[in-house]
Amino acid sequence: LFPYTTLFRSENSLKDKDIIYLVYRDKKIEGFLSFKINHYLHHDRDTGEIVELVVFPEKRSLKIGKQLIEKIARNKKFEQIELSTSTYRKDAHRFYERQGYEKLHYNYTKDLDD
């Protein structure tokens, strides 16, 4: 990461498969990535899933999101890394495509009543 930021990996009170990376400066969080490791029968190796990637708007030109994604991509034990994003988030789509991610499938959701 850039010299002015610090990367922090938190595993306290999280499930074994959950990882959170924080980027902060001057005791203020500038962005974070939450990540999950999945074990699927139809894959030869584990896969990773970016659950959330958030960089505060005033920090988005500093390449923090790119650094966070590159950090997890360096882990060679994963067969692939996937994520989902809302259809209306066009800037996010462009960002992920610039990082080499491809749109390969659809994600369907259904709200369940209590």
Protein backbone atom coordinates (compact mmCIF):
# COMPACT_ATOMS: atom_id res chain seq x y z
CA LEU A 1 0.00 0.00 0.00
CA PHE A 2 1.00 3.60 -0.30
CA PRO A 3 3.30 4.82 2.47
CA TYR A 4 0.58 6.90 4.10
CA THR A 5 -1.83 4.01 4.60
CA THR A 6 -1.78 0.96 6.80
CA LEU A 7 -3.37 -2.37 6.01
CA PHE A 8 -4.97 -4.13 8.94
CA ARG A 9 -6.35 -7.65 8.87
CA SER A 10 -8.99 -8.32 11.49
CA GLU A 11 -9.98 -11.83 12.49
CA ASN A 12 -11.36 -11.11 15.94
CA SER A 13 -14.91 -12.37 16.48
CA LEU A 14 -15.29 -13.37 12.83
CA LYS A 15 -16.09 -16.76 11.37
CA ASP A 16 -13.11 -18.81 10.22
CA LYS A 17 -13.84 -18.01 6.59
CA ASP A 18 -14.35 -14.25 7.02
CA ILE A 19 -11.55 -11.71 6.55
CA ILE A 20 -11.68 -7.92 6.75
CA TYR A 21 -8.95 -5.63 5.50
CA LEU A 22 -9.01 -2.01 6.66
CA VAL A 23 -7.07 0.90 5.20
CA TYR A 24 -6.70 3.80 7.57
CA ARG A 25 -4.66 6.94 8.12
CA ASP A 26 -4.56 9.24 11.12
CA LYS A 27 -6.88 6.86 13.01
CA LYS A 28 -9.60 7.22 10.32
CA ILE A 29 -10.78 4.40 8.09
CA GLU A 30 -10.47 5.27 4.41
CA GLY A 31 -11.77 1.99 3.03
CA PHE A 32 -12.30 -1.68 3.69
CA LEU A 33 -12.82 -5.01 2.01
CA SER A 34 -14.66 -7.96 3.51
CA PHE A 35 -13.83 -11.31 2.02
CA LYS A 36 -15.09 -14.85 2.39
CA ILE A 37 -13.48 -18.17 1.52
CA ASN A 38 -15.81 -20.71 -0.08
CA HIS A 39 -15.40 -24.46 -0.55
CA TYR A 40 -17.50 -25.63 -3.50
CA LEU A 41 -17.67 -29.16 -4.86
CA HIS A 42 -17.64 -27.93 -8.46
CA HIS A 43 -14.25 -26.21 -8.05
CA ASP A 44 -10.86 -27.89 -7.72
CA ARG A 45 -9.64 -25.38 -5.14
CA ASP A 46 -11.17 -22.86 -2.75
CA THR A 47 -12.71 -19.72 -4.19
CA GLY A 48 -12.77 -16.27 -2.68
CA GLU A 49 -15.71 -13.89 -2.60
CA ILE A 50 -15.49 -10.14 -2.16
CA VAL A 51 -18.53 -9.47 0.00
CA GLU A 52 -18.02 -5.72 0.41
CA LEU A 53 -15.56 -3.23 -0.98
CA VAL A 54 -16.03 0.30 0.31
CA VAL A 55 -13.79 3.29 -0.24
CA PHE A 56 -15.06 6.60 1.04
CA PRO A 57 -15.89 8.99 -1.84
CA GLU A 58 -13.25 11.57 -0.97
CA LYS A 59 -10.57 8.83 -1.08
CA ARG A 60 -11.55 7.10 -4.34
CA SER A 61 -8.84 8.69 -6.49
CA LEU A 62 -6.09 7.23 -4.27
CA LYS A 63 -6.30 3.65 -5.67
CA ILE A 64 -7.25 2.18 -2.30
CA GLY A 65 -9.83 -0.19 -3.84
CA LYS A 66 -7.31 -1.43 -6.37
CA GLN A 67 -4.76 -2.07 -3.62
CA LEU A 68 -7.28 -4.05 -1.57
CA ILE A 69 -8.26 -6.22 -4.54
CA GLU A 70 -4.62 -6.82 -5.44
CA LYS A 71 -3.90 -7.84 -1.85
CA ILE A 72 -6.37 -10.73 -1.96
CA ALA A 73 -5.52 -11.66 -5.56
CA ARG A 74 -1.92 -12.39 -4.52
CA ASN A 75 -3.19 -15.38 -2.56
CA LYS A 76 -2.51 -18.14 -5.07
CA LYS A 77 -4.42 -20.84 -3.21
CA PHE A 78 -7.71 -19.62 -4.71
CA GLU A 79 -8.98 -20.91 -8.03
CA GLN A 80 -10.89 -17.68 -8.58
CA ILE A 81 -12.27 -14.62 -6.83
CA GLU A 82 -15.85 -13.55 -7.45
CA LEU A 83 -18.15 -10.76 -6.38
CA SER A 84 -21.61 -9.41 -7.06
CA THR A 85 -22.69 -5.82 -7.41
CA SER A 86 -26.03 -4.12 -7.94
CA THR A 87 -27.09 -3.54 -11.53
CA TYR A 88 -27.35 0.23 -11.06
CA ARG A 89 -23.73 0.64 -9.83
CA LYS A 90 -22.21 1.41 -13.23
CA ASP A 91 -19.07 3.05 -11.79
CA ALA A 92 -18.41 -0.09 -9.74
CA HIS A 93 -18.86 -2.25 -12.86
CA ARG A 94 -16.27 -0.20 -14.74
CA PHE A 95 -13.90 -0.37 -11.77
CA TYR A 96 -14.09 -4.17 -11.52
CA GLU A 97 -13.70 -4.61 -15.28
CA ARG A 98 -10.57 -2.42 -15.21
CA GLN A 99 -9.21 -4.78 -12.54
CA GLY A 100 -9.72 -7.76 -14.86
CA TYR A 101 -13.04 -9.10 -13.58
CA GLU A 102 -15.57 -10.40 -16.10
CA LYS A 103 -19.35 -10.59 -15.99
CA LEU A 104 -19.93 -14.34 -16.31
CA HIS A 105 -23.25 -15.13 -14.67
CA TYR A 106 -26.40 -13.69 -13.15
CA ASN A 107 -27.15 -13.46 -9.45
CA TYR A 108 -30.79 -13.90 -8.42
CA THR A 109 -32.21 -12.90 -5.05
CA LYS A 110 -35.53 -13.37 -3.32
CA ASP A 111 -36.68 -11.60 -0.16
CA LEU A 112 -38.14 -13.97 2.44
CA ASP A 113 -40.85 -12.98 4.87
CA ASP A 114 -40.29 -13.65 8.57
